[in-house]
Structures are given as C-alpha cells and as structure tokens.
Amino acid sequence: MKVDSIIDELFDTPEKKAKWLHRITLLYIIWIIFLITGISFLLIYWFFVV
C-alpha cells in the first residue's frame, strides 16, 4: 500500500482537506496547552515543594 493512496483518500476534495487541517490545528493547540500546563506544574512543584 502506497502512502500516496492514503493521502489521496483523505485530501481528495478541498472540503476534506480544510476539515483535516482544522482538526490538526485544534489538536496542535490542545497539545501546546497541555505542554505549557505540565511545565508550569513542574516549575511550581520544584519551586514550592522541593
């Protein structure tokens, strides 16, 4: 199975491409929020508990 056939199935129309780019963007923003939250909790723990 070629990777191109999978990409062609996902992005065969501009509407599908826009929908997948929107989903990827939302997941990326959520990932950044979790990353910042996790680092801030680690810093708070390190400064105030240790």
PDB file of N, CA and C in Angstrom:
ATOM      1  N   MET A   1       0.843  -1.181   0.000  1.00  0.00           N
ATOM      2  CA  MET A   1       0.000   0.000   0.000  1.00  0.00           C
ATOM      3  C   MET A   1       0.887   1.243   0.000  1.00  0.00           C
ATOM      4  N   LYS A   2       0.608   2.126  -0.901  1.00  0.00           N
ATOM      5  CA  LYS A   2       1.397   3.348  -1.002  1.00  0.00           C
ATOM      6  C   LYS A   2       0.827   4.418  -0.088  1.00  0.00           C
ATOM      7  N   VAL A   3       1.692   5.249   0.393  1.00  0.00           N
ATOM      8  CA  VAL A   3       1.262   6.349   1.259  1.00  0.00           C
ATOM      9  C   VAL A   3       0.450   7.353   0.456  1.00  0.00           C
ATOM     10  N   ASP A   4       0.770   7.511  -0.808  1.00  0.00           N
ATOM     11  CA  ASP A   4       0.050   8.475  -1.644  1.00  0.00           C
ATOM     12  C   ASP A   4      -1.433   8.139  -1.744  1.00  0.00           C
ATOM     13  N   SER A   5      -1.772   6.845  -1.770  1.00  0.00           N
ATOM     14  CA  SER A   5      -3.185   6.485  -1.876  1.00  0.00           C
ATOM     15  C   SER A   5      -3.939   6.854  -0.606  1.00  0.00           C
ATOM     16  N   ILE A   6      -3.283   6.741   0.554  1.00  0.00           N
ATOM     17  CA  ILE A   6      -3.931   7.132   1.806  1.00  0.00           C
ATOM     18  C   ILE A   6      -4.132   8.644   1.838  1.00  0.00           C
ATOM     19  N   ILE A   7      -3.121   9.381   1.421  1.00  0.00           N
ATOM     20  CA  ILE A   7      -3.228  10.849   1.407  1.00  0.00           C
ATOM     21  C   ILE A   7      -4.294  11.285   0.410  1.00  0.00           C
ATOM     22  N   ASP A   8      -4.352  10.620  -0.736  1.00  0.00           N
ATOM     23  CA  ASP A   8      -5.364  10.975  -1.728  1.00  0.00           C
ATOM     24  C   ASP A   8      -6.776  10.721  -1.209  1.00  0.00           C
ATOM     25  N   GLU A   9      -6.958   9.665  -0.389  1.00  0.00           N
ATOM     26  CA  GLU A   9      -8.282   9.399   0.164  1.00  0.00           C
ATOM     27  C   GLU A   9      -8.675  10.465   1.181  1.00  0.00           C
ATOM     28  N   LEU A  10      -7.716  10.946   1.962  1.00  0.00           N
ATOM     29  CA  LEU A  10      -8.032  11.949   2.978  1.00  0.00           C
ATOM     30  C   LEU A  10      -8.246  13.327   2.377  1.00  0.00           C
ATOM     31  N   PHE A  11      -7.459  13.667   1.373  1.00  0.00           N
ATOM     32  CA  PHE A  11      -7.472  15.027   0.841  1.00  0.00           C
ATOM     33  C   PHE A  11      -7.956  15.068  -0.605  1.00  0.00           C
ATOM     34  N   ASP A  12      -8.951  14.258  -0.949  1.00  0.00           N
ATOM     35  CA  ASP A  12      -9.377  14.228  -2.347  1.00  0.00           C
ATOM     36  C   ASP A  12     -10.224  15.437  -2.726  1.00  0.00           C
ATOM     37  N   THR A  13     -10.838  16.105  -1.754  1.00  0.00           N
ATOM     38  CA  THR A  13     -11.591  17.325  -2.047  1.00  0.00           C
ATOM     39  C   THR A  13     -11.077  18.463  -1.161  1.00  0.00           C
ATOM     40  N   PRO A  14     -11.240  19.691  -1.592  1.00  0.00           N
ATOM     41  CA  PRO A  14     -10.798  20.817  -0.757  1.00  0.00           C
ATOM     42  C   PRO A  14     -11.534  20.880   0.589  1.00  0.00           C
ATOM     43  N   GLU A  15     -12.796  20.429   0.627  1.00  0.00           N
ATOM     44  CA  GLU A  15     -13.548  20.446   1.880  1.00  0.00           C
ATOM     45  C   GLU A  15     -12.931  19.482   2.888  1.00  0.00           C
ATOM     46  N   LYS A  16     -12.548  18.286   2.420  1.00  0.00           N
ATOM     47  CA  LYS A  16     -11.921  17.317   3.315  1.00  0.00           C
ATOM     48  C   LYS A  16     -10.560  17.811   3.788  1.00  0.00           C
ATOM     49  N   LYS A  17      -9.826  18.439   2.893  1.00  0.00           N
ATOM     50  CA  LYS A  17      -8.524  18.976   3.284  1.00  0.00           C
ATOM     51  C   LYS A  17      -8.682  20.051   4.340  1.00  0.00           C
ATOM     52  N   ALA A  18      -9.646  20.941   4.176  1.00  0.00           N
ATOM     53  CA  ALA A  18      -9.881  22.001   5.154  1.00  0.00           C
ATOM     54  C   ALA A  18     -10.318  21.413   6.488  1.00  0.00           C
ATOM     55  N   LYS A  19     -11.159  20.380   6.446  1.00  0.00           N
ATOM     56  CA  LYS A  19     -11.624  19.769   7.686  1.00  0.00           C
ATOM     57  C   LYS A  19     -10.467  19.110   8.443  1.00  0.00           C
ATOM     58  N   TRP A  20      -9.594  18.398   7.724  1.00  0.00           N
ATOM     59  CA  TRP A  20      -8.464  17.742   8.380  1.00  0.00           C
ATOM     60  C   TRP A  20      -7.444  18.750   8.883  1.00  0.00           C
ATOM     61  N   LEU A  21      -7.215  19.828   8.144  1.00  0.00           N
ATOM     62  CA  LEU A  21      -6.297  20.860   8.622  1.00  0.00           C
ATOM     63  C   LEU A  21      -6.856  21.551   9.863  1.00  0.00           C
ATOM     64  N   HIS A  22      -8.161  21.723   9.927  1.00  0.00           N
ATOM     65  CA  HIS A  22      -8.789  22.306  11.102  1.00  0.00           C
ATOM     66  C   HIS A  22      -8.598  21.379  12.305  1.00  0.00           C
ATOM     67  N   ARG A  23      -8.823  20.082  12.115  1.00  0.00           N
ATOM     68  CA  ARG A  23      -8.636  19.128  13.208  1.00  0.00           C
ATOM     69  C   ARG A  23      -7.190  19.091  13.686  1.00  0.00           C
ATOM     70  N   ILE A  24      -6.253  19.081  12.756  1.00  0.00           N
ATOM     71  CA  ILE A  24      -4.836  19.046  13.120  1.00  0.00           C
ATOM     72  C   ILE A  24      -4.452  20.315  13.878  1.00  0.00           C
ATOM     73  N   THR A  25      -4.977  21.457  13.452  1.00  0.00           N
ATOM     74  CA  THR A  25      -4.690  22.716  14.136  1.00  0.00           C
ATOM     75  C   THR A  25      -5.231  22.699  15.558  1.00  0.00           C
ATOM     76  N   LEU A  26      -6.460  22.210  15.734  1.00  0.00           N
ATOM     77  CA  LEU A  26      -7.033  22.140  17.080  1.00  0.00           C
ATOM     78  C   LEU A  26      -6.223  21.199  17.972  1.00  0.00           C
ATOM     79  N   LEU A  27      -5.838  20.044  17.448  1.00  0.00           N
ATOM     80  CA  LEU A  27      -5.040  19.113  18.239  1.00  0.00           C
ATOM     81  C   LEU A  27      -3.691  19.715  18.610  1.00  0.00           C
ATOM     82  N   TYR A  28      -3.103  20.481  17.710  1.00  0.00           N
ATOM     83  CA  TYR A  28      -1.821  21.121  17.987  1.00  0.00           C
ATOM     84  C   TYR A  28      -1.964  22.167  19.092  1.00  0.00           C
ATOM     85  N   ILE A  29      -3.032  22.955  19.055  1.00  0.00           N
ATOM     86  CA  ILE A  29      -3.267  23.958  20.093  1.00  0.00           C
ATOM     87  C   ILE A  29      -3.504  23.285  21.442  1.00  0.00           C
ATOM     88  N   ILE A  30      -4.297  22.207  21.453  1.00  0.00           N
ATOM     89  CA  ILE A  30      -4.538  21.479  22.704  1.00  0.00           C
ATOM     90  C   ILE A  30      -3.244  20.897  23.241  1.00  0.00           C
ATOM     91  N   TRP A  31      -2.401  20.364  22.360  1.00  0.00           N
ATOM     92  CA  TRP A  31      -1.116  19.808  22.786  1.00  0.00           C
ATOM     93  C   TRP A  31      -0.230  20.887  23.408  1.00  0.00           C
ATOM     94  N   ILE A  32      -0.212  22.074  22.820  1.00  0.00           N
ATOM     95  CA  ILE A  32       0.584  23.176  23.363  1.00  0.00           C
ATOM     96  C   ILE A  32       0.056  23.585  24.744  1.00  0.00           C
ATOM     97  N   ILE A  33      -1.262  23.623  24.907  1.00  0.00           N
ATOM     98  CA  ILE A  33      -1.844  23.979  26.203  1.00  0.00           C
ATOM     99  C   ILE A  33      -1.448  22.952  27.260  1.00  0.00           C
ATOM    100  N   PHE A  34      -1.535  21.646  26.944  1.00  0.00           N
ATOM    101  CA  PHE A  34      -1.126  20.619  27.898  1.00  0.00           C
ATOM    102  C   PHE A  34       0.363  20.718  28.210  1.00  0.00           C
ATOM    103  N   LEU A  35       1.170  21.017  27.218  1.00  0.00           N
ATOM    104  CA  LEU A  35       2.611  21.137  27.433  1.00  0.00           C
ATOM    105  C   LEU A  35       2.927  22.295  28.376  1.00  0.00           C
ATOM    106  N   ILE A  36       2.331  23.445  28.129  1.00  0.00           N
ATOM    107  CA  ILE A  36       2.571  24.608  28.991  1.00  0.00           C
ATOM    108  C   ILE A  36       2.054  24.341  30.403  1.00  0.00           C
ATOM    109  N   THR A  37       0.885  23.709  30.519  1.00  0.00           N
ATOM    110  CA  THR A  37       0.331  23.391  31.832  1.00  0.00           C
ATOM    111  C   THR A  37       1.239  22.432  32.589  1.00  0.00           C
ATOM    112  N   GLY A  38       1.729  21.404  31.909  1.00  0.00           N
ATOM    113  CA  GLY A  38       2.605  20.440  32.560  1.00  0.00           C
ATOM    114  C   GLY A  38       3.915  21.057  33.014  1.00  0.00           C
ATOM    115  N   ILE A  39       4.512  21.878  32.186  1.00  0.00           N
ATOM    116  CA  ILE A  39       5.768  22.532  32.565  1.00  0.00           C
ATOM    117  C   ILE A  39       5.543  23.492  33.721  1.00  0.00           C
ATOM    118  N   SER A  40       4.431  24.211  33.710  1.00  0.00           N
ATOM    119  CA  SER A  40       4.167  25.143  34.815  1.00  0.00           C
ATOM    120  C   SER A  40       3.930  24.391  36.118  1.00  0.00           C
ATOM    121  N   PHE A  41       3.234  23.250  36.088  1.00  0.00           N
ATOM    122  CA  PHE A  41       3.061  22.457  37.300  1.00  0.00           C
ATOM    123  C   PHE A  41       4.394  21.932  37.816  1.00  0.00           C
ATOM    124  N   LEU A  42       5.259  21.505  36.906  1.00  0.00           N
ATOM    125  CA  LEU A  42       6.579  21.048  37.332  1.00  0.00           C
ATOM    126  C   LEU A  42       7.383  22.173  37.966  1.00  0.00           C
ATOM    127  N   LEU A  43       7.338  23.364  37.397  1.00  0.00           N
ATOM    128  CA  LEU A  43       8.060  24.500  37.968  1.00  0.00           C
ATOM    129  C   LEU A  43       7.502  24.905  39.321  1.00  0.00           C
ATOM    130  N   ILE A  44       6.175  24.921  39.453  1.00  0.00           N
ATOM    131  CA  ILE A  44       5.564  25.254  40.738  1.00  0.00           C
ATOM    132  C   ILE A  44       5.956  24.224  41.789  1.00  0.00           C
ATOM    133  N   TYR A  45       5.916  22.954  41.431  1.00  0.00           N
ATOM    134  CA  TYR A  45       6.309  21.895  42.359  1.00  0.00           C
ATOM    135  C   TYR A  45       7.772  22.055  42.746  1.00  0.00           C
ATOM    136  N   TRP A  46       8.613  22.350  41.770  1.00  0.00           N
ATOM    137  CA  TRP A  46      10.052  22.448  42.040  1.00  0.00           C
ATOM    138  C   TRP A  46      10.371  23.654  42.916  1.00  0.00           C
ATOM    139  N   PHE A  47       9.676  24.783  42.692  1.00  0.00           N
ATOM    140  CA  PHE A  47       9.959  25.994  43.473  1.00  0.00           C
ATOM    141  C   PHE A  47       9.372  25.941  44.879  1.00  0.00           C
ATOM    142  N   PHE A  48       8.184  25.383  45.043  1.00  0.00           N
ATOM    143  CA  PHE A  48       7.492  25.491  46.324  1.00  0.00           C
ATOM    144  C   PHE A  48       7.521  24.228  47.177  1.00  0.00           C
ATOM    145  N   VAL A  49       7.765  23.083  46.577  1.00  0.00           N
ATOM    146  CA  VAL A  49       7.737  21.845  47.355  1.00  0.00           C
ATOM    147  C   VAL A  49       9.135  21.338  47.655  1.00  0.00           C
ATOM    148  N   VAL A  50       9.998  21.408  46.676  1.00  0.00           N
ATOM    149  CA  VAL A  50      11.341  20.862  46.868  1.00  0.00           C
ATOM    150  C   VAL A  50      12.211  21.848  47.613  1.00  0.00           C
TER     151      VAL A  50
END
